[in-house]
Amino acid sequence: MDIKLLARIGAIAFVAIAIIATAIQMRQPKTAPDLVETTTIVSAAPDPLVDELIHCQSIGQAGASDADCLRAWAENRRRFLAPGARPEARLPDQLAPSGAAR
């Protein structure tokens, strides 16, 4: 047997296996990812700083010139960088709709 013929047969076999593997993967039904329950930490006394930070996050670039946002970020940095500081709760990952009142 010629070496070129053997290489061609090997290449054709490799391509055929790749096509078959692709076809098998495409036939399998797609399953939805498992939904993970999320919990929100609700403190006894809601922190107005969190509300202000959410508002500042929602207004985007305009927050850099808003005096209330600058104060809120300064207070957040002060709390975060204080010795022994640990955040009580994280900001929610998804914002409220942009038309929501503050």
PDB file of N, CA and C in Angstrom:
ATOM      1  N   MET A   1       0.835  -1.180   0.000  1.00  0.00           N
ATOM      2  CA  MET A   1       0.000   0.000   0.000  1.00  0.00           C
ATOM      3  C   MET A   1       0.880   1.242   0.000  1.00  0.00           C
ATOM      4  N   ASP A   2       0.457   2.182  -0.765  1.00  0.00           N
ATOM      5  CA  ASP A   2       1.171   3.443  -0.889  1.00  0.00           C
ATOM      6  C   ASP A   2       0.934   4.298   0.359  1.00  0.00           C
ATOM      7  N   ILE A   3       1.929   5.041   0.816  1.00  0.00           N
ATOM      8  CA  ILE A   3       1.820   5.865   2.020  1.00  0.00           C
ATOM      9  C   ILE A   3       0.828   7.015   1.811  1.00  0.00           C
ATOM     10  N   LYS A   4       0.759   7.552   0.577  1.00  0.00           N
ATOM     11  CA  LYS A   4      -0.180   8.633   0.288  1.00  0.00           C
ATOM     12  C   LYS A   4      -1.627   8.132   0.377  1.00  0.00           C
ATOM     13  N   LEU A   5      -1.850   6.936  -0.125  1.00  0.00           N
ATOM     14  CA  LEU A   5      -3.189   6.359  -0.069  1.00  0.00           C
ATOM     15  C   LEU A   5      -3.597   6.122   1.379  1.00  0.00           C
ATOM     16  N   LEU A   6      -2.676   5.639   2.196  1.00  0.00           N
ATOM     17  CA  LEU A   6      -2.950   5.409   3.614  1.00  0.00           C
ATOM     18  C   LEU A   6      -3.257   6.724   4.333  1.00  0.00           C
ATOM     19  N   ALA A   7      -2.544   7.789   3.998  1.00  0.00           N
ATOM     20  CA  ALA A   7      -2.792   9.103   4.605  1.00  0.00           C
ATOM     21  C   ALA A   7      -4.156   9.633   4.197  1.00  0.00           C
ATOM     22  N   ARG A   8      -4.530   9.450   2.943  1.00  0.00           N
ATOM     23  CA  ARG A   8      -5.856   9.890   2.479  1.00  0.00           C
ATOM     24  C   ARG A   8      -6.968   9.128   3.189  1.00  0.00           C
ATOM     25  N   ILE A   9      -6.796   7.825   3.327  1.00  0.00           N
ATOM     26  CA  ILE A   9      -7.808   7.016   4.026  1.00  0.00           C
ATOM     27  C   ILE A   9      -7.930   7.479   5.480  1.00  0.00           C
ATOM     28  N   GLY A  10      -6.797   7.741   6.121  1.00  0.00           N
ATOM     29  CA  GLY A  10      -6.823   8.228   7.501  1.00  0.00           C
ATOM     30  C   GLY A  10      -7.512   9.582   7.620  1.00  0.00           C
ATOM     31  N   ALA A  11      -7.248  10.484   6.678  1.00  0.00           N
ATOM     32  CA  ALA A  11      -7.881  11.807   6.694  1.00  0.00           C
ATOM     33  C   ALA A  11      -9.382  11.688   6.484  1.00  0.00           C
ATOM     34  N   ILE A  12      -9.793  10.843   5.547  1.00  0.00           N
ATOM     35  CA  ILE A  12     -11.229  10.649   5.292  1.00  0.00           C
ATOM     36  C   ILE A  12     -11.898  10.048   6.519  1.00  0.00           C
ATOM     37  N   ALA A  13     -11.254   9.082   7.161  1.00  0.00           N
ATOM     38  CA  ALA A  13     -11.819   8.470   8.380  1.00  0.00           C
ATOM     39  C   ALA A  13     -11.950   9.519   9.482  1.00  0.00           C
ATOM     40  N   PHE A  14     -10.950  10.391   9.639  1.00  0.00           N
ATOM     41  CA  PHE A  14     -10.999  11.438  10.666  1.00  0.00           C
ATOM     42  C   PHE A  14     -12.157  12.398  10.408  1.00  0.00           C
ATOM     43  N   VAL A  15     -12.319  12.828   9.168  1.00  0.00           N
ATOM     44  CA  VAL A  15     -13.419  13.743   8.822  1.00  0.00           C
ATOM     45  C   VAL A  15     -14.760  13.057   9.044  1.00  0.00           C
ATOM     46  N   ALA A  16     -14.866  11.785   8.670  1.00  0.00           N
ATOM     47  CA  ALA A  16     -16.123  11.054   8.856  1.00  0.00           C
ATOM     48  C   ALA A  16     -16.470  10.943  10.344  1.00  0.00           C
ATOM     49  N   ILE A  17     -15.481  10.663  11.179  1.00  0.00           N
ATOM     50  CA  ILE A  17     -15.723  10.568  12.620  1.00  0.00           C
ATOM     51  C   ILE A  17     -16.147  11.922  13.182  1.00  0.00           C
ATOM     52  N   ALA A  18     -15.518  12.998  12.711  1.00  0.00           N
ATOM     53  CA  ALA A  18     -15.875  14.339  13.181  1.00  0.00           C
ATOM     54  C   ALA A  18     -17.313  14.687  12.787  1.00  0.00           C
ATOM     55  N   ILE A  19     -17.718  14.338  11.582  1.00  0.00           N
ATOM     56  CA  ILE A  19     -19.092  14.610  11.130  1.00  0.00           C
ATOM     57  C   ILE A  19     -20.091  13.798  11.939  1.00  0.00           C
ATOM     58  N   ILE A  20     -19.793  12.543  12.191  1.00  0.00           N
ATOM     59  CA  ILE A  20     -20.690  11.693  12.984  1.00  0.00           C
ATOM     60  C   ILE A  20     -20.818  12.226  14.412  1.00  0.00           C
ATOM     61  N   ALA A  21     -19.705  12.622  15.019  1.00  0.00           N
ATOM     62  CA  ALA A  21     -19.748  13.161  16.381  1.00  0.00           C
ATOM     63  C   ALA A  21     -20.576  14.442  16.437  1.00  0.00           C
ATOM     64  N   THR A  22     -20.437  15.285  15.420  1.00  0.00           N
ATOM     65  CA  THR A  22     -21.226  16.518  15.363  1.00  0.00           C
ATOM     66  C   THR A  22     -22.707  16.202  15.231  1.00  0.00           C
ATOM     67  N   ALA A  23     -23.038  15.250  14.379  1.00  0.00           N
ATOM     68  CA  ALA A  23     -24.444  14.879  14.188  1.00  0.00           C
ATOM     69  C   ALA A  23     -25.044  14.333  15.480  1.00  0.00           C
ATOM     70  N   ILE A  24     -24.280  13.546  16.213  1.00  0.00           N
ATOM     71  CA  ILE A  24     -24.774  12.996  17.480  1.00  0.00           C
ATOM     72  C   ILE A  24     -25.021  14.123  18.479  1.00  0.00           C
ATOM     73  N   GLN A  25     -24.097  15.081  18.557  1.00  0.00           N
ATOM     74  CA  GLN A  25     -24.268  16.200  19.491  1.00  0.00           C
ATOM     75  C   GLN A  25     -25.477  17.042  19.128  1.00  0.00           C
ATOM     76  N   MET A  26     -25.739  17.214  17.847  1.00  0.00           N
ATOM     77  CA  MET A  26     -26.873  18.038  17.417  1.00  0.00           C
ATOM     78  C   MET A  26     -28.204  17.341  17.662  1.00  0.00           C
ATOM     79  N   ARG A  27     -28.221  16.026  17.702  1.00  0.00           N
ATOM     80  CA  ARG A  27     -29.461  15.292  17.931  1.00  0.00           C
ATOM     81  C   ARG A  27     -29.895  15.317  19.385  1.00  0.00           C
ATOM     82  N   GLN A  28     -28.958  15.501  20.307  1.00  0.00           N
ATOM     83  CA  GLN A  28     -29.302  15.496  21.721  1.00  0.00           C
ATOM     84  C   GLN A  28     -30.102  16.749  22.058  1.00  0.00           C
ATOM     85  N   PRO A  29     -31.197  16.580  22.813  1.00  0.00           N
ATOM     86  CA  PRO A  29     -32.012  17.757  23.149  1.00  0.00           C
ATOM     87  C   PRO A  29     -31.257  18.684  24.100  1.00  0.00           C
ATOM     88  N   LYS A  30     -31.488  19.950  23.902  1.00  0.00           N
ATOM     89  CA  LYS A  30     -30.855  20.936  24.775  1.00  0.00           C
ATOM     90  C   LYS A  30     -31.699  21.058  26.040  1.00  0.00           C
ATOM     91  N   THR A  31     -31.051  20.948  27.175  1.00  0.00           N
ATOM     92  CA  THR A  31     -31.760  21.062  28.440  1.00  0.00           C
ATOM     93  C   THR A  31     -31.497  22.435  29.033  1.00  0.00           C
ATOM     94  N   ALA A  32     -32.495  22.947  29.715  1.00  0.00           N
ATOM     95  CA  ALA A  32     -32.344  24.242  30.372  1.00  0.00           C
ATOM     96  C   ALA A  32     -31.427  24.069  31.579  1.00  0.00           C
ATOM     97  N   PRO A  33     -30.586  25.063  31.854  1.00  0.00           N
ATOM     98  CA  PRO A  33     -29.732  24.953  33.031  1.00  0.00           C
ATOM     99  C   PRO A  33     -30.579  24.951  34.306  1.00  0.00           C
ATOM    100  N   ASP A  34     -30.060  24.289  35.314  1.00  0.00           N
ATOM    101  CA  ASP A  34     -30.785  24.252  36.577  1.00  0.00           C
ATOM    102  C   ASP A  34     -30.909  25.657  37.135  1.00  0.00           C
ATOM    103  N   LEU A  35     -32.105  25.988  37.551  1.00  0.00           N
ATOM    104  CA  LEU A  35     -32.324  27.300  38.127  1.00  0.00           C
ATOM    105  C   LEU A  35     -31.858  27.297  39.577  1.00  0.00           C
ATOM    106  N   VAL A  36     -31.152  28.316  39.945  1.00  0.00           N
ATOM    107  CA  VAL A  36     -30.637  28.445  41.291  1.00  0.00           C
ATOM    108  C   VAL A  36     -31.479  29.471  42.025  1.00  0.00           C
ATOM    109  N   GLU A  37     -31.951  29.085  43.177  1.00  0.00           N
ATOM    110  CA  GLU A  37     -32.727  30.034  43.966  1.00  0.00           C
ATOM    111  C   GLU A  37     -31.791  31.074  44.565  1.00  0.00           C
ATOM    112  N   THR A  38     -32.208  32.308  44.474  1.00  0.00           N
ATOM    113  CA  THR A  38     -31.415  33.367  45.070  1.00  0.00           C
ATOM    114  C   THR A  38     -32.163  33.909  46.281  1.00  0.00           C
ATOM    115  N   THR A  39     -31.425  34.256  47.263  1.00  0.00           N
ATOM    116  CA  THR A  39     -32.021  34.829  48.446  1.00  0.00           C
ATOM    117  C   THR A  39     -31.492  36.233  48.632  1.00  0.00           C
ATOM    118  N   THR A  40     -32.334  37.071  49.157  1.00  0.00           N
ATOM    119  CA  THR A  40     -31.947  38.441  49.423  1.00  0.00           C
ATOM    120  C   THR A  40     -31.879  38.626  50.925  1.00  0.00           C
ATOM    121  N   ILE A  41     -30.790  39.212  51.356  1.00  0.00           N
ATOM    122  CA  ILE A  41     -30.642  39.481  52.778  1.00  0.00           C
ATOM    123  C   ILE A  41     -31.430  40.745  53.097  1.00  0.00           C
ATOM    124  N   VAL A  42     -32.366  40.614  54.003  1.00  0.00           N
ATOM    125  CA  VAL A  42     -33.168  41.752  54.401  1.00  0.00           C
ATOM    126  C   VAL A  42     -32.767  42.109  55.826  1.00  0.00           C
ATOM    127  N   SER A  43     -32.261  43.297  55.983  1.00  0.00           N
ATOM    128  CA  SER A  43     -31.854  43.714  57.320  1.00  0.00           C
ATOM    129  C   SER A  43     -33.036  44.367  58.022  1.00  0.00           C
ATOM    130  N   ALA A  44     -32.951  44.446  59.340  1.00  0.00           N
ATOM    131  CA  ALA A  44     -34.037  45.022  60.128  1.00  0.00           C
ATOM    132  C   ALA A  44     -34.245  46.494  59.777  1.00  0.00           C
ATOM    133  N   ALA A  45     -33.172  47.228  59.631  1.00  0.00           N
ATOM    134  CA  ALA A  45     -33.258  48.638  59.268  1.00  0.00           C
ATOM    135  C   ALA A  45     -32.624  48.812  57.899  1.00  0.00           C
ATOM    136  N   PRO A  46     -33.428  49.064  56.870  1.00  0.00           N
ATOM    137  CA  PRO A  46     -32.858  49.210  55.537  1.00  0.00           C
ATOM    138  C   PRO A  46     -31.883  50.389  55.475  1.00  0.00           C
ATOM    139  N   ASP A  47     -30.806  50.187  54.773  1.00  0.00           N
ATOM    140  CA  ASP A  47     -29.768  51.200  54.685  1.00  0.00           C
ATOM    141  C   ASP A  47     -30.065  52.125  53.502  1.00  0.00           C
ATOM    142  N   PRO A  48     -30.262  53.407  53.748  1.00  0.00           N
ATOM    143  CA  PRO A  48     -30.540  54.322  52.638  1.00  0.00           C
ATOM    144  C   PRO A  48     -29.350  54.450  51.691  1.00  0.00           C
ATOM    145  N   LEU A  49     -28.152  54.129  52.162  1.00  0.00           N
ATOM    146  CA  LEU A  49     -26.980  54.193  51.305  1.00  0.00           C
ATOM    147  C   LEU A  49     -27.099  53.205  50.147  1.00  0.00           C
ATOM    148  N   VAL A  50     -27.651  52.042  50.409  1.00  0.00           N
ATOM    149  CA  VAL A  50     -27.813  51.035  49.362  1.00  0.00           C
ATOM    150  C   VAL A  50     -28.753  51.563  48.283  1.00  0.00           C
ATOM    151  N   ASP A  51     -29.850  52.180  48.698  1.00  0.00           N
ATOM    152  CA  ASP A  51     -30.787  52.749  47.726  1.00  0.00           C
ATOM    153  C   ASP A  51     -30.109  53.820  46.882  1.00  0.00           C
ATOM    154  N   GLU A  52     -29.324  54.651  47.531  1.00  0.00           N
ATOM    155  CA  GLU A  52     -28.634  55.727  46.809  1.00  0.00           C
ATOM    156  C   GLU A  52     -27.605  55.149  45.839  1.00  0.00           C
ATOM    157  N   LEU A  53     -26.879  54.111  46.247  1.00  0.00           N
ATOM    158  CA  LEU A  53     -25.895  53.484  45.364  1.00  0.00           C
ATOM    159  C   LEU A  53     -26.565  52.833  44.164  1.00  0.00           C
ATOM    160  N   ILE A  54     -27.717  52.229  44.376  1.00  0.00           N
ATOM    161  CA  ILE A  54     -28.461  51.632  43.261  1.00  0.00           C
ATOM    162  C   ILE A  54     -28.902  52.721  42.291  1.00  0.00           C
ATOM    163  N   HIS A  55     -29.381  53.829  42.842  1.00  0.00           N
ATOM    164  CA  HIS A  55     -29.790  54.944  41.981  1.00  0.00           C
ATOM    165  C   HIS A  55     -28.598  55.463  41.179  1.00  0.00           C
ATOM    166  N   CYS A  56     -27.461  55.637  41.826  1.00  0.00           N
ATOM    167  CA  CYS A  56     -26.275  56.149  41.144  1.00  0.00           C
ATOM    168  C   CYS A  56     -25.805  55.186  40.062  1.00  0.00           C
ATOM    169  N   GLN A  57     -25.935  53.908  40.333  1.00  0.00           N
ATOM    170  CA  GLN A  57     -25.556  52.912  39.335  1.00  0.00           C
ATOM    171  C   GLN A  57     -26.493  52.986  38.134  1.00  0.00           C
ATOM    172  N   SER A  58     -27.760  53.267  38.374  1.00  0.00           N
ATOM    173  CA  SER A  58     -28.733  53.279  37.285  1.00  0.00           C
ATOM    174  C   SER A  58     -28.604  54.507  36.398  1.00  0.00           C
ATOM    175  N   ILE A  59     -28.074  55.626  36.910  1.00  0.00           N
ATOM    176  CA  ILE A  59     -27.979  56.818  36.072  1.00  0.00           C
ATOM    177  C   ILE A  59     -26.697  56.840  35.262  1.00  0.00           C
ATOM    178  N   GLY A  60     -25.813  55.903  35.495  1.00  0.00           N
ATOM    179  CA  GLY A  60     -24.624  55.738  34.670  1.00  0.00           C
ATOM    180  C   GLY A  60     -23.630  56.872  34.795  1.00  0.00           C
ATOM    181  N   GLN A  61     -23.184  57.396  33.646  1.00  0.00           N
ATOM    182  CA  GLN A  61     -22.138  58.405  33.603  1.00  0.00           C
ATOM    183  C   GLN A  61     -22.553  59.700  34.306  1.00  0.00           C
ATOM    184  N   ALA A  62     -23.828  59.999  34.358  1.00  0.00           N
ATOM    185  CA  ALA A  62     -24.287  61.221  35.019  1.00  0.00           C
ATOM    186  C   ALA A  62     -23.995  61.186  36.517  1.00  0.00           C
ATOM    187  N   GLY A  63     -23.801  60.020  37.080  1.00  0.00           N
ATOM    188  CA  GLY A  63     -23.503  59.905  38.508  1.00  0.00           C
ATOM    189  C   GLY A  63     -22.173  60.516  38.890  1.00  0.00           C
ATOM    190  N   ALA A  64     -21.263  60.626  37.930  1.00  0.00           N
ATOM    191  CA  ALA A  64     -19.942  61.189  38.224  1.00  0.00           C
ATOM    192  C   ALA A  64     -20.006  62.675  38.549  1.00  0.00           C
ATOM    193  N   SER A  65     -21.082  63.343  38.140  1.00  0.00           N
ATOM    194  CA  SER A  65     -21.202  64.776  38.435  1.00  0.00           C
ATOM    195  C   SER A  65     -22.318  65.072  39.438  1.00  0.00           C
ATOM    196  N   ASP A  66     -23.009  64.044  39.912  1.00  0.00           N
ATOM    197  CA  ASP A  66     -24.096  64.228  40.875  1.00  0.00           C
ATOM    198  C   ASP A  66     -23.524  64.286  42.293  1.00  0.00           C
ATOM    199  N   ALA A  67     -23.845  65.347  43.012  1.00  0.00           N
ATOM    200  CA  ALA A  67     -23.296  65.541  44.357  1.00  0.00           C
ATOM    201  C   ALA A  67     -23.747  64.431  45.315  1.00  0.00           C
ATOM    202  N   ASP A  68     -25.010  64.014  45.209  1.00  0.00           N
ATOM    203  CA  ASP A  68     -25.508  62.949  46.091  1.00  0.00           C
ATOM    204  C   ASP A  68     -24.755  61.637  45.834  1.00  0.00           C
ATOM    205  N   CYS A  69     -24.481  61.349  44.574  1.00  0.00           N
ATOM    206  CA  CYS A  69     -23.751  60.119  44.248  1.00  0.00           C
ATOM    207  C   CYS A  69     -22.316  60.191  44.761  1.00  0.00           C
ATOM    208  N   LEU A  70     -21.699  61.343  44.622  1.00  0.00           N
ATOM    209  CA  LEU A  70     -20.335  61.490  45.114  1.00  0.00           C
ATOM    210  C   LEU A  70     -20.272  61.275  46.623  1.00  0.00           C
ATOM    211  N   ARG A  71     -21.260  61.797  47.353  1.00  0.00           N
ATOM    212  CA  ARG A  71     -21.315  61.592  48.809  1.00  0.00           C
ATOM    213  C   ARG A  71     -21.556  60.121  49.132  1.00  0.00           C
ATOM    214  N   ALA A  72     -22.448  59.485  48.385  1.00  0.00           N
ATOM    215  CA  ALA A  72     -22.753  58.069  48.638  1.00  0.00           C
ATOM    216  C   ALA A  72     -21.520  57.193  48.385  1.00  0.00           C
ATOM    217  N   TRP A  73     -20.805  57.482  47.315  1.00  0.00           N
ATOM    218  CA  TRP A  73     -19.607  56.682  47.023  1.00  0.00           C
ATOM    219  C   TRP A  73     -18.525  56.918  48.077  1.00  0.00           C
ATOM    220  N   ALA A  74     -18.411  58.155  48.545  1.00  0.00           N
ATOM    221  CA  ALA A  74     -17.419  58.446  49.580  1.00  0.00           C
ATOM    222  C   ALA A  74     -17.757  57.698  50.874  1.00  0.00           C
ATOM    223  N   GLU A  75     -19.034  57.689  51.229  1.00  0.00           N
ATOM    224  CA  GLU A  75     -19.459  56.970  52.433  1.00  0.00           C
ATOM    225  C   GLU A  75     -19.250  55.467  52.257  1.00  0.00           C
ATOM    226  N   ASN A  76     -19.532  54.951  51.074  1.00  0.00           N
ATOM    227  CA  ASN A  76     -19.329  53.532  50.813  1.00  0.00           C
ATOM    228  C   ASN A  76     -17.849  53.168  50.918  1.00  0.00           C
ATOM    229  N   ARG A  77     -16.972  54.001  50.365  1.00  0.00           N
ATOM    230  CA  ARG A  77     -15.527  53.757  50.487  1.00  0.00           C
ATOM    231  C   ARG A  77     -15.092  53.801  51.951  1.00  0.00           C
ATOM    232  N   ARG A  78     -15.632  54.786  52.694  1.00  0.00           N
ATOM    233  CA  ARG A  78     -15.260  54.903  54.104  1.00  0.00           C
ATOM    234  C   ARG A  78     -15.656  53.633  54.854  1.00  0.00           C
ATOM    235  N   ARG A  79     -16.866  53.140  54.612  1.00  0.00           N
ATOM    236  CA  ARG A  79     -17.323  51.909  55.279  1.00  0.00           C
ATOM    237  C   ARG A  79     -16.499  50.706  54.834  1.00  0.00           C
ATOM    238  N   PHE A  80     -16.211  50.641  53.548  1.00  0.00           N
ATOM    239  CA  PHE A  80     -15.495  49.482  53.017  1.00  0.00           C
ATOM    240  C   PHE A  80     -14.058  49.426  53.516  1.00  0.00           C
ATOM    241  N   LEU A  81     -13.419  50.574  53.591  1.00  0.00           N
ATOM    242  CA  LEU A  81     -12.012  50.614  53.969  1.00  0.00           C
ATOM    243  C   LEU A  81     -11.774  50.738  55.470  1.00  0.00           C
ATOM    244  N   ALA A  82     -12.830  50.833  56.256  1.00  0.00           N
ATOM    245  CA  ALA A  82     -12.675  50.927  57.706  1.00  0.00           C
ATOM    246  C   ALA A  82     -12.060  49.626  58.229  1.00  0.00           C
ATOM    247  N   PRO A  83     -11.199  49.722  59.240  1.00  0.00           N
ATOM    248  CA  PRO A  83     -10.592  48.506  59.792  1.00  0.00           C
ATOM    249  C   PRO A  83     -11.668  47.550  60.313  1.00  0.00           C
ATOM    250  N   GLY A  84     -11.589  46.306  59.905  1.00  0.00           N
ATOM    251  CA  GLY A  84     -12.536  45.284  60.353  1.00  0.00           C
ATOM    252  C   GLY A  84     -13.894  45.375  59.691  1.00  0.00           C
ATOM    253  N   ALA A  85     -14.027  46.175  58.642  1.00  0.00           N
ATOM    254  CA  ALA A  85     -15.324  46.346  57.985  1.00  0.00           C
ATOM    255  C   ALA A  85     -15.672  45.117  57.167  1.00  0.00           C
ATOM    256  N   ARG A  86     -16.910  44.715  57.241  1.00  0.00           N
ATOM    257  CA  ARG A  86     -17.428  43.627  56.415  1.00  0.00           C
ATOM    258  C   ARG A  86     -18.774  44.078  55.890  1.00  0.00           C
ATOM    259  N   PRO A  87     -18.989  43.973  54.583  1.00  0.00           N
ATOM    260  CA  PRO A  87     -20.280  44.411  54.033  1.00  0.00           C
ATOM    261  C   PRO A  87     -21.407  43.531  54.535  1.00  0.00           C
ATOM    262  N   GLU A  88     -22.528  44.171  54.850  1.00  0.00           N
ATOM    263  CA  GLU A  88     -23.686  43.405  55.326  1.00  0.00           C
ATOM    264  C   GLU A  88     -24.393  42.708  54.179  1.00  0.00           C
ATOM    265  N   ALA A  89     -24.496  43.381  53.055  1.00  0.00           N
ATOM    266  CA  ALA A  89     -25.198  42.806  51.916  1.00  0.00           C
ATOM    267  C   ALA A  89     -24.622  43.384  50.638  1.00  0.00           C
ATOM    268  N   ARG A  90     -24.785  42.629  49.567  1.00  0.00           N
ATOM    269  CA  ARG A  90     -24.342  43.104  48.269  1.00  0.00           C
ATOM    270  C   ARG A  90     -25.474  43.835  47.579  1.00  0.00           C
ATOM    271  N   LEU A  91     -25.117  44.688  46.639  1.00  0.00           N
ATOM    272  CA  LEU A  91     -26.128  45.323  45.813  1.00  0.00           C
ATOM    273  C   LEU A  91     -26.737  44.246  44.927  1.00  0.00           C
ATOM    274  N   PRO A  92     -28.002  44.384  44.580  1.00  0.00           N
ATOM    275  CA  PRO A  92     -28.598  43.382  43.697  1.00  0.00           C
ATOM    276  C   PRO A  92     -27.912  43.394  42.332  1.00  0.00           C
ATOM    277  N   ASP A  93     -27.830  42.210  41.708  1.00  0.00           N
ATOM    278  CA  ASP A  93     -27.150  42.094  40.424  1.00  0.00           C
ATOM    279  C   ASP A  93     -27.936  42.744  39.297  1.00  0.00           C
ATOM    280  N   GLN A  94     -29.254  42.736  39.407  1.00  0.00           N
ATOM    281  CA  GLN A  94     -30.065  43.321  38.349  1.00  0.00           C
ATOM    282  C   GLN A  94     -30.749  44.561  38.892  1.00  0.00           C
ATOM    283  N   LEU A  95     -30.728  45.590  38.082  1.00  0.00           N
ATOM    284  CA  LEU A  95     -31.341  46.852  38.481  1.00  0.00           C
ATOM    285  C   LEU A  95     -32.830  46.815  38.233  1.00  0.00           C
ATOM    286  N   ALA A  96     -33.530  47.705  38.902  1.00  0.00           N
ATOM    287  CA  ALA A  96     -34.947  47.880  38.639  1.00  0.00           C
ATOM    288  C   ALA A  96     -35.087  48.500  37.262  1.00  0.00           C
ATOM    289  N   PRO A  97     -36.265  48.439  36.649  1.00  0.00           N
ATOM    290  CA  PRO A  97     -36.456  49.067  35.341  1.00  0.00           C
ATOM    291  C   PRO A  97     -36.056  50.536  35.382  1.00  0.00           C
ATOM    292  N   SER A  98     -35.545  51.040  34.255  1.00  0.00           N
ATOM    293  CA  SER A  98     -34.996  52.393  34.234  1.00  0.00           C
ATOM    294  C   SER A  98     -36.044  53.453  34.528  1.00  0.00           C
ATOM    295  N   GLY A  99     -37.316  53.175  34.344  1.00  0.00           N
ATOM    296  CA  GLY A  99     -38.362  54.150  34.618  1.00  0.00           C
ATOM    297  C   GLY A  99     -38.794  54.165  36.060  1.00  0.00           C
ATOM    298  N   ALA A 100     -38.202  53.327  36.905  1.00  0.00           N
ATOM    299  CA  ALA A 100     -38.634  53.244  38.306  1.00  0.00           C
ATOM    300  C   ALA A 100     -38.215  54.484  39.066  1.00  0.00           C
ATOM    301  N   ALA A 101     -39.053  54.910  39.967  1.00  0.00           N
ATOM    302  CA  ALA A 101     -38.759  56.075  40.795  1.00  0.00           C
ATOM    303  C   ALA A 101     -37.788  55.673  41.874  1.00  0.00           C
ATOM    304  N   ARG A 102     -37.058  56.613  42.355  1.00  0.00           N
ATOM    305  CA  ARG A 102     -36.028  56.344  43.345  1.00  0.00           C
ATOM    306  C   ARG A 102     -36.585  56.359  44.722  1.00  0.00           C
TER     307      ARG A 102
END
